[in-house]
Each structure stands twice: as structure tokens, then as C-alpha cells.
Amino acid sequence: MRITELRRRLTAHFGPDWAPSYSKDFVIAELGGQSVDQALEMGFDPAEIWRAVVKNNPDISNELK
């Protein structure tokens, strides 16, 4: 998965206003206590980040999973 696809999915689920805030501010345990943005900066694979987001947001639609 490319970073652009990760961002697209985040925006599709959280909306254009909330997705950037979620990426910057929400800390995910599966990412070592890092936010999405921090995990990307550290070199985490975008697919791994997305799996962690899905695990923490079970209401994400099947189309985005």
C-alpha cells in the first residue's frame, strides 16, 4: 500500500476534516504508541498502519478494509 492510499482510506472513513487530526493526534498501541503520522515518519509500512487503524476502529466499512 502506498501512503496516498492510506491517506485516501483515512479520509474516506473519517472525513476530510477529521482524518488529518486523527493521523496527527491519535496514538495507536499497535504502532508502538505512535500516531499514524509518527509511524510514517519512522518508516512503518502503510499497510501495517492501516491494519492497526482498522483494529482500533471496527466500524470501518468492508470496502475500506
C-alpha atoms as a PDB file:
ATOM      1  CA  MET A   1       0.000   0.000   0.000  1.00  0.00           C
ATOM      2  CA  ARG A   2       1.216   3.489  -0.813  1.00  0.00           C
ATOM      3  CA  ILE A   3       0.967   6.401   1.586  1.00  0.00           C
ATOM      4  CA  THR A   4      -1.535   8.063  -0.762  1.00  0.00           C
ATOM      5  CA  GLU A   5      -3.826   5.023  -0.465  1.00  0.00           C
ATOM      6  CA  LEU A   6      -3.533   5.096   3.325  1.00  0.00           C
ATOM      7  CA  ARG A   7      -4.479   8.791   3.324  1.00  0.00           C
ATOM      8  CA  ARG A   8      -7.363   8.135   0.908  1.00  0.00           C
ATOM      9  CA  ARG A   9      -8.780   5.440   3.175  1.00  0.00           C
ATOM     10  CA  LEU A  10      -8.383   7.589   6.283  1.00  0.00           C
ATOM     11  CA  THR A  11     -10.227  10.424   4.547  1.00  0.00           C
ATOM     12  CA  ALA A  12     -12.928   8.084   3.243  1.00  0.00           C
ATOM     13  CA  HIS A  13     -13.627   6.802   6.753  1.00  0.00           C
ATOM     14  CA  PHE A  14     -13.012   9.820   8.997  1.00  0.00           C
ATOM     15  CA  GLY A  15     -13.833  12.610   6.543  1.00  0.00           C
ATOM     16  CA  PRO A  16     -11.635  15.404   5.222  1.00  0.00           C
ATOM     17  CA  ASP A  17     -11.816  17.435   8.442  1.00  0.00           C
ATOM     18  CA  TRP A  18     -11.185  14.660  10.961  1.00  0.00           C
ATOM     19  CA  ALA A  19      -8.651  12.458   9.102  1.00  0.00           C
ATOM     20  CA  PRO A  20      -5.671  14.854   9.442  1.00  0.00           C
ATOM     21  CA  SER A  21      -6.352  15.300  13.155  1.00  0.00           C
ATOM     22  CA  TYR A  22      -6.706  11.541  13.664  1.00  0.00           C
ATOM     23  CA  SER A  23      -3.424  10.958  11.820  1.00  0.00           C
ATOM     24  CA  LYS A  24      -1.591  13.528  13.893  1.00  0.00           C
ATOM     25  CA  ASP A  25      -3.105  13.166  17.363  1.00  0.00           C
ATOM     26  CA  PHE A  26      -4.462   9.634  17.905  1.00  0.00           C
ATOM     27  CA  VAL A  27      -1.867   7.288  19.412  1.00  0.00           C
ATOM     28  CA  ILE A  28      -2.163   3.608  18.477  1.00  0.00           C
ATOM     29  CA  ALA A  29      -0.658   0.931  20.740  1.00  0.00           C
ATOM     30  CA  GLU A  30      -0.027  -1.449  17.828  1.00  0.00           C
ATOM     31  CA  LEU A  31       2.244   1.210  16.335  1.00  0.00           C
ATOM     32  CA  GLY A  32       4.390   1.387  19.442  1.00  0.00           C
ATOM     33  CA  GLY A  33       2.367   4.216  20.929  1.00  0.00           C
ATOM     34  CA  GLN A  34       2.827   6.367  17.830  1.00  0.00           C
ATOM     35  CA  SER A  35       0.328   8.291  15.739  1.00  0.00           C
ATOM     36  CA  VAL A  36      -0.196   7.499  12.055  1.00  0.00           C
ATOM     37  CA  ASP A  37       1.994  10.453  11.066  1.00  0.00           C
ATOM     38  CA  GLN A  38       4.745   9.485  13.512  1.00  0.00           C
ATOM     39  CA  ALA A  39       4.657   5.867  12.338  1.00  0.00           C
ATOM     40  CA  LEU A  40       5.036   7.002   8.727  1.00  0.00           C
ATOM     41  CA  GLU A  41       7.991   9.203   9.685  1.00  0.00           C
ATOM     42  CA  MET A  42       9.571   6.215  11.452  1.00  0.00           C
ATOM     43  CA  GLY A  43       9.269   4.113   8.298  1.00  0.00           C
ATOM     44  CA  PHE A  44       6.347   1.858   9.193  1.00  0.00           C
ATOM     45  CA  ASP A  45       4.700   0.195   6.210  1.00  0.00           C
ATOM     46  CA  PRO A  46       1.429   1.992   5.325  1.00  0.00           C
ATOM     47  CA  ALA A  47      -0.388  -1.374   5.139  1.00  0.00           C
ATOM     48  CA  GLU A  48       0.727  -2.179   8.691  1.00  0.00           C
ATOM     49  CA  ILE A  49      -0.500   1.229   9.832  1.00  0.00           C
ATOM     50  CA  TRP A  50      -3.849   0.674   8.123  1.00  0.00           C
ATOM     51  CA  ARG A  51      -4.267  -2.712   9.820  1.00  0.00           C
ATOM     52  CA  ALA A  52      -3.700  -1.011  13.182  1.00  0.00           C
ATOM     53  CA  VAL A  53      -6.252   1.694  12.329  1.00  0.00           C
ATOM     54  CA  VAL A  54      -8.816  -0.955  11.338  1.00  0.00           C
ATOM     55  CA  LYS A  55      -8.195  -2.910  14.547  1.00  0.00           C
ATOM     56  CA  ASN A  56      -8.917   0.213  16.597  1.00  0.00           C
ATOM     57  CA  ASN A  57     -11.944   1.257  14.531  1.00  0.00           C
ATOM     58  CA  PRO A  58     -14.154  -1.795  13.980  1.00  0.00           C
ATOM     59  CA  ASP A  59     -16.810   0.349  12.298  1.00  0.00           C
ATOM     60  CA  ILE A  60     -14.641   0.835   9.187  1.00  0.00           C
ATOM     61  CA  SER A  61     -16.567  -0.418   6.172  1.00  0.00           C
ATOM     62  CA  ASN A  62     -15.598  -3.671   4.491  1.00  0.00           C
ATOM     63  CA  GLU A  63     -14.895  -1.766   1.263  1.00  0.00           C
ATOM     64  CA  LEU A  64     -12.061   0.083   3.000  1.00  0.00           C
ATOM     65  CA  LYS A  65     -10.645  -2.916   4.843  1.00  0.00           C
END
